[in-house]
Amino acid sequence: MPAAALPGRATASSNPGGIALSGWGNYPKVSTKLLAPRTLAGARDHLLGRSGVVARGAGRAYGDAAIGTHTTISTRGLNRMRSFDAATAQLTVEAGVTIADILAAFGPRGFFLKVVPGTKFVTVGGAIAADVHGKNHHRDGGFGTIVESFRLALPSGEIVTCSRAENAALFMATLGGMGLTGMILEATLRLLPIETAWLRQDTRVAGNLEAAIDLLEGSASATYSVAWIDCLARGAALGRSLVYLAEHATRRDKELLGPELAPFPSPRMSRLSVPELFPGWLLNRASMRAFNELYFRRGAAQQGRPRLVHWDPYFFPLDAIADWNRIYGRRGFVQYQCVIPQARARRVLADILDRVSRRGDASFLAVLKQLGDGDGPMSFPLRGYTLTMDFPVSDPLFGFLDELDALVVDAGGRLYLAKDARQSRATFESGYPRLAALRDIRQQTGADTRLVSHLSARLGI
């Protein structure tokens, strides 16, 4: 498969040999030297003798996690699928292969990925480094649960194989370790056999946050569950939501499938694209309120009528719009994702949503998901609820987000490193009590002084 163009806004920089690179949020934009090897050996060689370096996959980390303080190594040229064993459903791929690549190649053959994030344009290396989670974490855990093993290039040039049985501590620290333990070169994943690639979706309406959490808790047996939240609703309707429950449809679902539907539909292509000069001022309180009302009414009309939906829009709704990150304008946006422990989730999330609704510039697509326990020491999930919202960058925004951080820390929660662009070191250290395990591994392998991203420098990892 050919390498794709490197995503993210990259423009000329005044630094010799460098470019201004950003994550998916287009904030911050920082200078780095960019290298793009096309072989595993080349990637390892680029790592040798360098400091201030980190690997970058498809550029879908939102902030500064995938930008080296001196050098960034793109893995998108490492995009070959190595082997597949249909009997064990084990697939070995290079780190730059994306989830979209895998689903396009193996969906028609009756295989899926048991854990997928909210976009399919994430590389396997990035999915492991962030230990991404999906709409089924409460039941099936994060991406690390489907990883059998991976090969990791250490700063010394040594290449080691890591699994739960071999180099187990390094394996666990790499899950959610944001590329700070070494460069993932290739990985072996365990795919999920499916009878069809359709989802049987049930839509339910929740009049407020309490009702949404009740629905999610009462539907914990559902394989997939997610709630869209209207962040502008206030008063008795604070947190009003549409809850989407889903299961993989089987061939027995004949009344829904119908004879005209192919059991394994192809991926859907992006038909819309946001222009580079999209005026961010179009996203204002009035336009978002209108969008939220239309979206809520459209979803509410589907309540009580289970239906089949294509896998693509259910798992990856925003992928239907190419370059949707441009919608917030040139200054970019911050995606704020926190998790609150279950015992305190209702009160704290209500407080957060009340503050957001009064501020009035929340995202048009905010989601609430139920999470189970995390895996690696740096994995984001903990048993509770995660809320995700987008905010356009503005000067007053950061003080407001600091206020939300204080609520999260006080509740024993934390922020997702794959989305972070601005949290303080104190907030980070409060949220990740097992940080010492990552620091120990980094010191043992020499990664602490060699593998340095803007995120790790900012947070003192």
Protein backbone atom coordinates (compact mmCIF):
# COMPACT_ATOMS: atom_id res chain seq x y z
CA MET A 1 0.00 0.00 0.00
CA PRO A 2 1.41 3.44 -0.85
CA ALA A 3 2.15 5.92 1.89
CA ALA A 4 -0.41 8.67 2.31
CA ALA A 5 0.45 12.33 2.55
CA LEU A 6 1.29 13.33 6.11
CA PRO A 7 -1.84 14.77 7.75
CA GLY A 8 -1.83 17.87 9.91
CA ARG A 9 -1.17 21.47 8.98
CA ALA A 10 2.51 21.82 8.15
CA THR A 11 3.89 25.11 6.90
CA ALA A 12 7.32 26.54 6.26
CA SER A 13 9.28 27.46 9.36
CA SER A 14 12.01 30.02 9.91
CA ASN A 15 14.14 27.32 11.55
CA PRO A 16 16.59 25.83 9.02
CA GLY A 17 15.55 22.32 8.06
CA GLY A 18 12.37 22.49 10.14
CA ILE A 19 8.65 22.91 9.57
CA ALA A 20 5.82 24.16 11.75
CA LEU A 21 3.81 21.06 12.60
CA SER A 22 0.63 20.58 14.59
CA GLY A 23 -1.67 17.81 15.68
CA TRP A 24 -5.24 17.32 14.53
CA GLY A 25 -6.45 20.29 16.58
CA ASN A 26 -4.15 22.63 14.61
CA TYR A 27 -2.93 23.90 17.98
CA PRO A 28 -0.15 24.38 18.93
CA LYS A 29 2.03 24.73 15.85
CA VAL A 30 5.67 24.10 16.69
CA SER A 31 8.90 23.75 14.75
CA THR A 32 10.46 20.33 14.22
CA LYS A 33 12.61 18.52 11.71
CA LEU A 34 10.52 15.89 9.90
CA LEU A 35 11.90 12.57 8.62
CA ALA A 36 9.91 9.97 6.69
CA PRO A 37 11.59 6.53 6.43
CA ARG A 38 10.04 3.90 4.18
CA THR A 39 11.58 0.79 5.73
CA LEU A 40 11.83 -0.63 9.24
CA ALA A 41 15.62 -0.49 9.03
CA GLY A 42 15.44 3.13 7.93
CA ALA A 43 13.19 4.03 10.85
CA ARG A 44 15.62 2.42 13.29
CA ASP A 45 18.56 4.24 11.70
CA HIS A 46 16.78 7.59 12.01
CA LEU A 47 16.33 6.95 15.72
CA LEU A 48 20.02 6.24 16.37
CA GLY A 49 22.11 9.06 17.78
CA ARG A 50 19.24 11.53 17.99
CA SER A 51 17.75 13.36 20.94
CA GLY A 52 14.48 15.24 21.16
CA VAL A 53 12.84 12.73 18.83
CA VAL A 54 9.46 11.00 18.76
CA ALA A 55 7.51 8.95 16.22
CA ARG A 56 4.37 10.27 14.50
CA GLY A 57 1.72 8.19 12.81
CA ALA A 58 -1.23 9.75 10.98
CA GLY A 59 -1.11 13.00 12.94
CA ARG A 60 -4.41 12.31 14.73
CA ALA A 61 -3.16 13.08 18.24
CA TYR A 62 -4.85 16.42 18.82
CA GLY A 63 -2.11 18.36 20.59
CA ASP A 64 1.67 18.13 20.79
CA ALA A 65 2.16 14.44 21.66
CA ALA A 66 3.46 13.42 18.23
CA ILE A 67 5.90 16.29 17.66
CA GLY A 68 9.53 15.87 18.69
CA THR A 69 11.29 18.79 20.33
CA HIS A 70 13.99 18.44 17.67
CA THR A 71 13.02 15.68 15.22
CA THR A 72 9.78 13.91 14.33
CA ILE A 73 9.87 10.56 12.51
CA SER A 74 6.80 9.84 10.41
CA THR A 75 5.87 6.14 10.26
CA ARG A 76 3.39 6.49 7.38
CA GLY A 77 5.90 4.91 5.00
CA LEU A 78 5.85 1.77 7.16
CA ASN A 79 2.51 0.72 5.71
CA ARG A 80 2.86 -2.92 4.72
CA MET A 81 0.77 -5.82 5.94
CA ARG A 82 3.12 -8.69 6.74
CA SER A 83 1.02 -11.79 7.40
CA PHE A 84 -2.43 -13.06 8.33
CA ASP A 85 -3.49 -16.38 9.86
CA ALA A 86 -7.21 -16.92 9.26
CA ALA A 87 -7.32 -19.81 11.74
CA THR A 88 -6.15 -17.64 14.64
CA ALA A 89 -7.33 -14.30 13.17
CA GLN A 90 -3.86 -12.88 13.87
CA LEU A 91 -2.64 -10.09 11.60
CA THR A 92 0.90 -8.68 11.56
CA VAL A 93 1.33 -5.19 10.14
CA GLU A 94 3.89 -2.41 10.12
CA ALA A 95 3.25 0.50 12.47
CA GLY A 96 2.09 2.92 9.75
CA VAL A 97 -0.84 0.76 8.60
CA THR A 98 -4.10 2.46 9.55
CA ILE A 99 -7.30 1.09 10.97
CA ALA A 100 -8.93 2.14 7.70
CA ASP A 101 -6.43 -0.02 5.79
CA ILE A 102 -7.24 -3.06 7.93
CA LEU A 103 -11.01 -2.68 7.75
CA ALA A 104 -10.94 -2.16 3.99
CA ALA A 105 -8.80 -5.27 3.48
CA PHE A 106 -10.37 -7.65 6.01
CA GLY A 107 -13.95 -6.43 6.45
CA PRO A 108 -15.01 -8.12 3.18
CA ARG A 109 -13.38 -11.32 4.47
CA GLY A 110 -15.49 -11.33 7.63
CA PHE A 111 -13.09 -9.77 10.13
CA PHE A 112 -13.23 -6.56 12.14
CA LEU A 113 -11.18 -4.90 14.89
CA LYS A 114 -12.67 -5.52 18.31
CA VAL A 115 -11.57 -2.08 19.52
CA VAL A 116 -11.65 1.03 17.33
CA PRO A 117 -11.46 4.74 18.28
CA GLY A 118 -13.63 7.51 16.88
CA THR A 119 -11.65 7.79 13.65
CA LYS A 120 -10.37 5.05 11.35
CA PHE A 121 -7.49 7.24 10.15
CA VAL A 122 -5.24 6.23 13.04
CA THR A 123 -2.12 4.12 12.58
CA VAL A 124 -1.62 0.89 14.47
CA GLY A 125 1.50 2.34 16.09
CA GLY A 126 -0.47 5.39 17.22
CA ALA A 127 -3.35 3.25 18.48
CA ILE A 128 -0.95 1.29 20.69
CA ALA A 129 0.94 4.38 21.87
CA ALA A 130 -2.32 6.03 22.95
CA ASP A 131 -4.01 2.73 23.96
CA VAL A 132 -7.10 4.04 22.17
CA HIS A 133 -10.54 2.99 23.33
CA GLY A 134 -13.90 2.69 21.67
CA LYS A 135 -17.60 2.47 22.41
CA ASN A 136 -17.15 -0.93 24.07
CA HIS A 137 -14.45 -0.23 26.64
CA HIS A 138 -16.84 -0.97 29.50
CA ARG A 139 -17.02 -4.54 28.20
CA ASP A 140 -13.92 -5.26 26.15
CA GLY A 141 -11.19 -2.88 27.28
CA GLY A 142 -8.82 -0.80 25.16
CA PHE A 143 -6.74 -1.38 22.05
CA GLY A 144 -4.03 -3.10 24.06
CA THR A 145 -6.33 -6.05 24.70
CA ILE A 146 -6.17 -7.05 21.02
CA VAL A 147 -2.40 -6.60 20.70
CA GLU A 148 -0.59 -9.93 20.81
CA SER A 149 2.91 -8.45 20.49
CA PHE A 150 4.93 -5.68 18.88
CA ARG A 151 8.53 -4.98 17.89
CA LEU A 152 10.01 -1.90 19.48
CA ALA A 153 13.15 0.01 18.46
CA LEU A 154 14.92 1.37 21.53
CA PRO A 155 17.09 4.52 21.46
CA SER A 156 20.18 2.29 21.58
CA GLY A 157 19.20 0.74 18.24
CA GLU A 158 18.24 -2.58 19.82
CA ILE A 159 14.97 -4.03 18.52
CA VAL A 160 13.00 -6.02 21.10
CA THR A 161 9.82 -8.06 20.91
CA CYS A 162 7.27 -7.16 23.57
CA SER A 163 4.20 -9.06 24.71
CA ARG A 164 2.49 -9.94 27.97
CA ALA A 165 4.93 -12.84 28.29
CA GLU A 166 8.11 -11.28 26.87
CA ASN A 167 9.46 -7.93 28.08
CA ALA A 168 6.10 -7.57 29.82
CA ALA A 169 6.92 -4.39 31.77
CA LEU A 170 8.02 -2.64 28.56
CA PHE A 171 4.92 -3.94 26.78
CA MET A 172 2.59 -2.51 29.44
CA ALA A 173 4.43 0.82 29.68
CA THR A 174 4.18 1.26 25.90
CA LEU A 175 0.37 0.94 26.02
CA GLY A 176 -0.65 4.57 26.48
CA GLY A 177 3.03 5.59 26.76
CA MET A 178 2.65 8.06 23.87
CA GLY A 179 5.72 6.83 21.99
CA LEU A 180 8.08 7.58 24.88
CA THR A 181 9.41 4.04 25.40
CA GLY A 182 10.64 3.42 21.86
CA MET A 183 9.47 3.41 18.24
CA ILE A 184 6.89 0.76 17.41
CA LEU A 185 7.92 -0.86 14.13
CA GLU A 186 5.31 -3.57 13.66
CA ALA A 187 2.59 -5.31 15.65
CA THR A 188 0.52 -8.47 15.68
CA LEU A 189 -3.19 -7.95 16.34
CA ARG A 190 -6.04 -10.35 16.95
CA LEU A 191 -9.01 -9.62 14.66
CA LEU A 192 -12.68 -10.26 15.43
CA PRO A 193 -14.65 -12.66 13.18
CA ILE A 194 -18.05 -11.21 12.25
CA GLU A 195 -21.03 -12.54 10.30
CA THR A 196 -21.87 -9.17 8.76
CA ALA A 197 -20.38 -5.69 8.82
CA TRP A 198 -23.71 -4.07 9.71
CA LEU A 199 -24.65 -2.82 13.17
CA ARG A 200 -28.06 -3.31 14.75
CA GLN A 201 -28.59 0.08 16.37
CA ASP A 202 -31.12 1.09 19.02
CA THR A 203 -31.53 4.84 19.67
CA ARG A 204 -32.83 6.07 23.02
CA VAL A 205 -33.59 9.58 24.20
CA ALA A 206 -32.39 10.91 27.54
CA GLY A 207 -33.96 14.16 28.74
CA ASN A 208 -30.96 15.13 30.86
CA LEU A 209 -27.59 13.93 32.13
CA GLU A 210 -29.06 11.80 34.91
CA ALA A 211 -31.25 9.97 32.43
CA ALA A 212 -28.31 9.49 30.04
CA ILE A 213 -26.15 7.87 32.74
CA ASP A 214 -29.11 5.74 33.86
CA LEU A 215 -29.54 4.53 30.28
CA LEU A 216 -25.84 3.74 29.88
CA GLU A 217 -25.72 1.88 33.19
CA GLY A 218 -28.94 0.03 32.43
CA SER A 219 -27.56 -0.98 29.02
CA ALA A 220 -24.15 -2.14 30.21
CA SER A 221 -24.74 -5.52 28.56
CA ALA A 222 -24.80 -3.85 25.12
CA THR A 223 -21.55 -4.37 23.23
CA TYR A 224 -21.38 -0.77 22.00
CA SER A 225 -22.83 2.29 23.67
CA VAL A 226 -22.26 6.02 23.35
CA ALA A 227 -24.23 9.16 24.14
CA TRP A 228 -24.26 12.36 22.10
CA ILE A 229 -24.78 15.30 24.46
CA ASP A 230 -26.29 18.70 23.72
CA CYS A 231 -23.77 20.89 25.53
CA LEU A 232 -25.91 24.00 25.16
CA ALA A 233 -28.99 22.60 26.94
CA ARG A 234 -29.59 24.12 30.37
CA GLY A 235 -31.87 23.83 33.38
CA ALA A 236 -33.94 20.67 33.57
CA ALA A 237 -32.62 19.65 30.15
CA LEU A 238 -28.94 19.94 31.15
CA GLY A 239 -27.06 17.17 29.38
CA ARG A 240 -29.95 15.98 27.24
CA SER A 241 -28.67 13.17 25.08
CA LEU A 242 -29.19 10.59 22.40
CA VAL A 243 -27.88 7.20 23.48
CA TYR A 244 -26.84 4.84 20.69
CA LEU A 245 -26.64 1.13 21.53
CA ALA A 246 -25.41 -1.38 18.97
CA GLU A 247 -24.49 -4.99 18.27
CA HIS A 248 -22.88 -6.60 15.25
CA ALA A 249 -25.75 -7.81 13.09
CA THR A 250 -25.81 -11.51 12.26
CA ARG A 251 -27.18 -13.28 9.25
CA ARG A 252 -30.19 -14.21 11.38
CA ASP A 253 -31.23 -10.55 11.34
CA LYS A 254 -33.02 -11.19 8.04
CA GLU A 255 -35.90 -8.84 8.74
CA LEU A 256 -33.41 -6.00 9.05
CA LEU A 257 -30.79 -7.08 6.52
CA GLY A 258 -33.11 -7.80 3.65
CA PRO A 259 -32.05 -9.62 0.48
CA GLU A 260 -30.76 -6.47 -1.23
CA LEU A 261 -28.08 -5.66 1.35
CA ALA A 262 -24.61 -7.13 0.96
CA PRO A 263 -23.41 -8.59 4.27
CA PHE A 264 -20.03 -6.85 4.03
CA PRO A 265 -20.46 -3.34 2.61
CA SER A 266 -17.42 -1.37 1.49
CA PRO A 267 -16.07 1.62 3.44
CA ARG A 268 -17.83 4.88 2.72
CA MET A 269 -15.83 7.63 1.10
CA SER A 270 -15.76 11.21 2.38
CA ARG A 271 -18.14 13.21 0.22
CA LEU A 272 -17.72 16.55 1.95
CA SER A 273 -14.58 18.52 2.67
CA VAL A 274 -14.00 21.63 4.75
CA PRO A 275 -12.02 24.28 2.81
CA GLU A 276 -8.72 25.45 4.27
CA LEU A 277 -9.98 29.02 4.62
CA PHE A 278 -13.19 28.07 6.44
CA PRO A 279 -14.25 31.08 8.57
CA GLY A 280 -14.27 29.96 12.20
CA TRP A 281 -16.75 32.70 13.16
CA LEU A 282 -19.52 30.65 11.53
CA LEU A 283 -19.40 28.42 14.60
CA ASN A 284 -21.24 30.61 17.07
CA ARG A 285 -23.82 30.03 19.78
CA ALA A 286 -26.75 30.49 17.41
CA SER A 287 -25.45 28.15 14.71
CA MET A 288 -24.52 25.47 17.23
CA ARG A 289 -27.84 25.73 19.01
CA ALA A 290 -29.62 25.25 15.68
CA PHE A 291 -27.41 22.29 14.80
CA ASN A 292 -27.95 20.66 18.20
CA GLU A 293 -31.72 21.06 17.98
CA LEU A 294 -31.85 19.56 14.50
CA TYR A 295 -29.53 16.69 15.48
CA PHE A 296 -31.54 15.94 18.63
CA ARG A 297 -34.90 15.91 16.83
CA ARG A 298 -33.56 13.74 14.03
CA GLY A 299 -32.20 11.21 16.52
CA ALA A 300 -35.30 11.29 18.72
CA ALA A 301 -37.44 10.35 15.71
CA GLN A 302 -35.53 7.06 15.49
CA GLN A 303 -36.31 6.00 19.06
CA GLY A 304 -38.09 2.67 19.37
CA ARG A 305 -37.20 1.59 15.83
CA PRO A 306 -34.09 -0.62 15.84
CA ARG A 307 -32.40 -0.43 12.48
CA LEU A 308 -29.32 -1.51 10.61
CA VAL A 309 -26.56 1.03 10.16
CA HIS A 310 -23.37 0.81 8.13
CA TRP A 311 -20.28 0.23 10.28
CA ASP A 312 -18.55 3.34 8.96
CA PRO A 313 -20.93 6.10 10.19
CA TYR A 314 -21.61 4.31 13.48
CA PHE A 315 -17.98 4.03 14.54
CA PHE A 316 -16.50 6.97 12.61
CA PRO A 317 -19.16 9.68 12.11
CA LEU A 318 -16.76 12.59 11.56
CA ASP A 319 -14.66 10.71 9.02
CA ALA A 320 -17.46 11.42 6.53
CA ILE A 321 -16.19 15.01 6.38
CA ALA A 322 -12.63 15.35 5.11
CA ASP A 323 -10.48 17.88 6.99
CA TRP A 324 -13.27 18.57 9.48
CA ASN A 325 -10.63 19.94 11.88
CA ARG A 326 -10.55 23.11 9.75
CA ILE A 327 -14.06 24.02 10.84
CA TYR A 328 -12.73 25.89 13.88
CA GLY A 329 -10.66 28.30 11.80
CA ARG A 330 -7.00 29.19 11.62
CA ARG A 331 -6.40 29.36 15.37
CA GLY A 332 -7.42 25.73 15.74
CA PHE A 333 -9.22 24.02 18.60
CA VAL A 334 -8.63 22.03 21.75
CA GLN A 335 -10.35 18.73 22.30
CA TYR A 336 -10.99 18.30 26.01
CA GLN A 337 -11.46 14.71 27.14
CA CYS A 338 -11.66 13.82 30.81
CA VAL A 339 -12.69 10.73 32.73
CA ILE A 340 -14.45 10.91 36.09
CA PRO A 341 -14.65 7.93 38.47
CA GLN A 342 -18.10 6.39 38.57
CA ALA A 343 -18.93 7.33 42.17
CA ARG A 344 -18.57 11.06 41.49
CA ALA A 345 -19.42 11.20 37.79
CA ARG A 346 -23.00 12.48 37.99
CA ARG A 347 -22.25 15.48 40.17
CA VAL A 348 -18.96 16.49 38.55
CA LEU A 349 -20.11 16.03 34.95
CA ALA A 350 -23.23 18.06 35.71
CA ASP A 351 -21.03 20.85 37.06
CA ILE A 352 -18.81 20.73 33.96
CA LEU A 353 -21.76 20.75 31.56
CA ASP A 354 -23.41 23.62 33.42
CA ARG A 355 -20.27 25.73 33.12
CA VAL A 356 -19.89 24.82 29.43
CA SER A 357 -23.52 25.61 28.58
CA ARG A 358 -23.28 29.00 30.30
CA ARG A 359 -20.08 29.76 28.39
CA GLY A 360 -21.82 28.92 25.14
CA ASP A 361 -19.11 27.83 22.69
CA ALA A 362 -18.96 24.07 23.20
CA SER A 363 -18.53 21.55 20.44
CA PHE A 364 -21.28 20.51 18.07
CA LEU A 365 -20.42 16.85 18.63
CA ALA A 366 -19.82 16.05 22.30
CA VAL A 367 -19.89 12.46 23.52
CA LEU A 368 -20.23 10.59 26.80
CA LYS A 369 -19.02 6.99 27.17
CA GLN A 370 -18.81 4.47 29.97
CA LEU A 371 -15.31 3.11 30.62
CA GLY A 372 -13.92 0.14 32.48
CA ASP A 373 -10.55 -0.25 34.17
CA GLY A 374 -7.41 0.78 32.29
CA ASP A 375 -4.66 -1.56 31.16
CA GLY A 376 -1.13 -0.13 31.13
CA PRO A 377 0.16 2.29 33.79
CA MET A 378 -0.37 5.21 31.39
CA SER A 379 -3.66 4.06 29.86
CA PHE A 380 -6.28 6.78 30.07
CA PRO A 381 -9.41 4.81 31.03
CA LEU A 382 -10.55 4.20 34.58
CA ARG A 383 -13.90 2.86 35.73
CA GLY A 384 -16.28 5.75 35.20
CA TYR A 385 -17.45 8.12 32.48
CA THR A 386 -15.51 10.03 29.86
CA LEU A 387 -16.76 13.29 28.36
CA THR A 388 -15.27 14.70 25.15
CA MET A 389 -15.82 18.24 23.85
CA ASP A 390 -14.19 20.58 21.32
CA PHE A 391 -13.46 24.26 22.01
CA PRO A 392 -12.16 26.81 19.49
CA VAL A 393 -8.91 28.36 20.63
CA SER A 394 -9.29 31.82 22.12
CA ASP A 395 -7.40 33.81 24.71
CA PRO A 396 -9.99 33.29 27.51
CA LEU A 397 -10.31 29.55 26.81
CA PHE A 398 -7.30 28.36 28.76
CA GLY A 399 -8.34 29.89 32.06
CA PHE A 400 -11.75 28.27 31.66
CA LEU A 401 -10.19 24.86 30.97
CA ASP A 402 -8.02 25.28 34.07
CA GLU A 403 -11.27 25.59 36.03
CA LEU A 404 -12.53 22.33 34.52
CA ASP A 405 -9.18 20.69 35.30
CA ALA A 406 -9.62 21.56 38.98
CA LEU A 407 -12.98 19.79 39.02
CA VAL A 408 -11.48 16.72 37.33
CA VAL A 409 -8.51 16.54 39.71
CA ASP A 410 -10.70 17.00 42.78
CA ALA A 411 -12.87 14.09 41.60
CA GLY A 412 -9.86 11.78 41.10
CA GLY A 413 -10.12 11.90 37.31
CA ARG A 414 -7.65 12.69 34.55
CA LEU A 415 -7.22 14.02 31.00
CA TYR A 416 -6.42 11.97 27.89
CA LEU A 417 -2.86 12.56 26.71
CA ALA A 418 -3.75 11.85 23.07
CA LYS A 419 -6.07 14.87 23.16
CA ASP A 420 -4.06 17.16 25.42
CA ALA A 421 -2.44 20.39 24.27
CA ARG A 422 -2.31 22.50 27.42
CA GLN A 423 -2.85 20.82 30.80
CA SER A 424 -0.40 21.68 33.58
CA ARG A 425 2.21 19.33 35.00
CA ALA A 426 0.37 19.32 38.34
CA THR A 427 -2.91 18.28 36.72
CA PHE A 428 -1.15 15.53 34.79
CA GLU A 429 0.75 14.11 37.77
CA SER A 430 -2.41 14.10 39.91
CA GLY A 431 -4.24 12.09 37.28
CA TYR A 432 -1.61 9.42 36.58
CA PRO A 433 -0.48 7.89 39.90
CA ARG A 434 1.41 5.09 38.10
CA LEU A 435 3.62 7.54 36.21
CA ALA A 436 6.71 6.24 38.05
CA ALA A 437 6.48 2.95 36.12
CA LEU A 438 6.88 4.79 32.81
CA ARG A 439 9.68 6.98 34.14
CA ASP A 440 11.56 3.92 35.39
CA ILE A 441 11.31 2.19 32.00
CA ARG A 442 12.43 5.33 30.20
CA GLN A 443 15.44 5.68 32.46
CA GLN A 444 16.41 2.01 32.06
CA THR A 445 16.37 2.22 28.25
CA GLY A 446 17.88 5.69 27.93
CA ALA A 447 14.64 7.01 26.46
CA ASP A 448 14.30 9.70 29.12
CA THR A 449 16.94 11.88 27.48
CA ARG A 450 16.44 10.74 23.87
CA LEU A 451 12.71 10.32 23.22
CA VAL A 452 11.26 13.75 23.96
CA SER A 453 8.03 15.13 22.50
CA HIS A 454 6.66 18.59 23.13
CA LEU A 455 4.05 16.91 25.35
CA SER A 456 6.62 15.02 27.42
CA ALA A 457 8.78 18.14 27.82
CA ARG A 458 5.76 20.19 28.86
CA LEU A 459 4.58 17.63 31.41
CA GLY A 460 7.98 16.51 32.67
CA ILE A 461 7.57 12.87 31.65
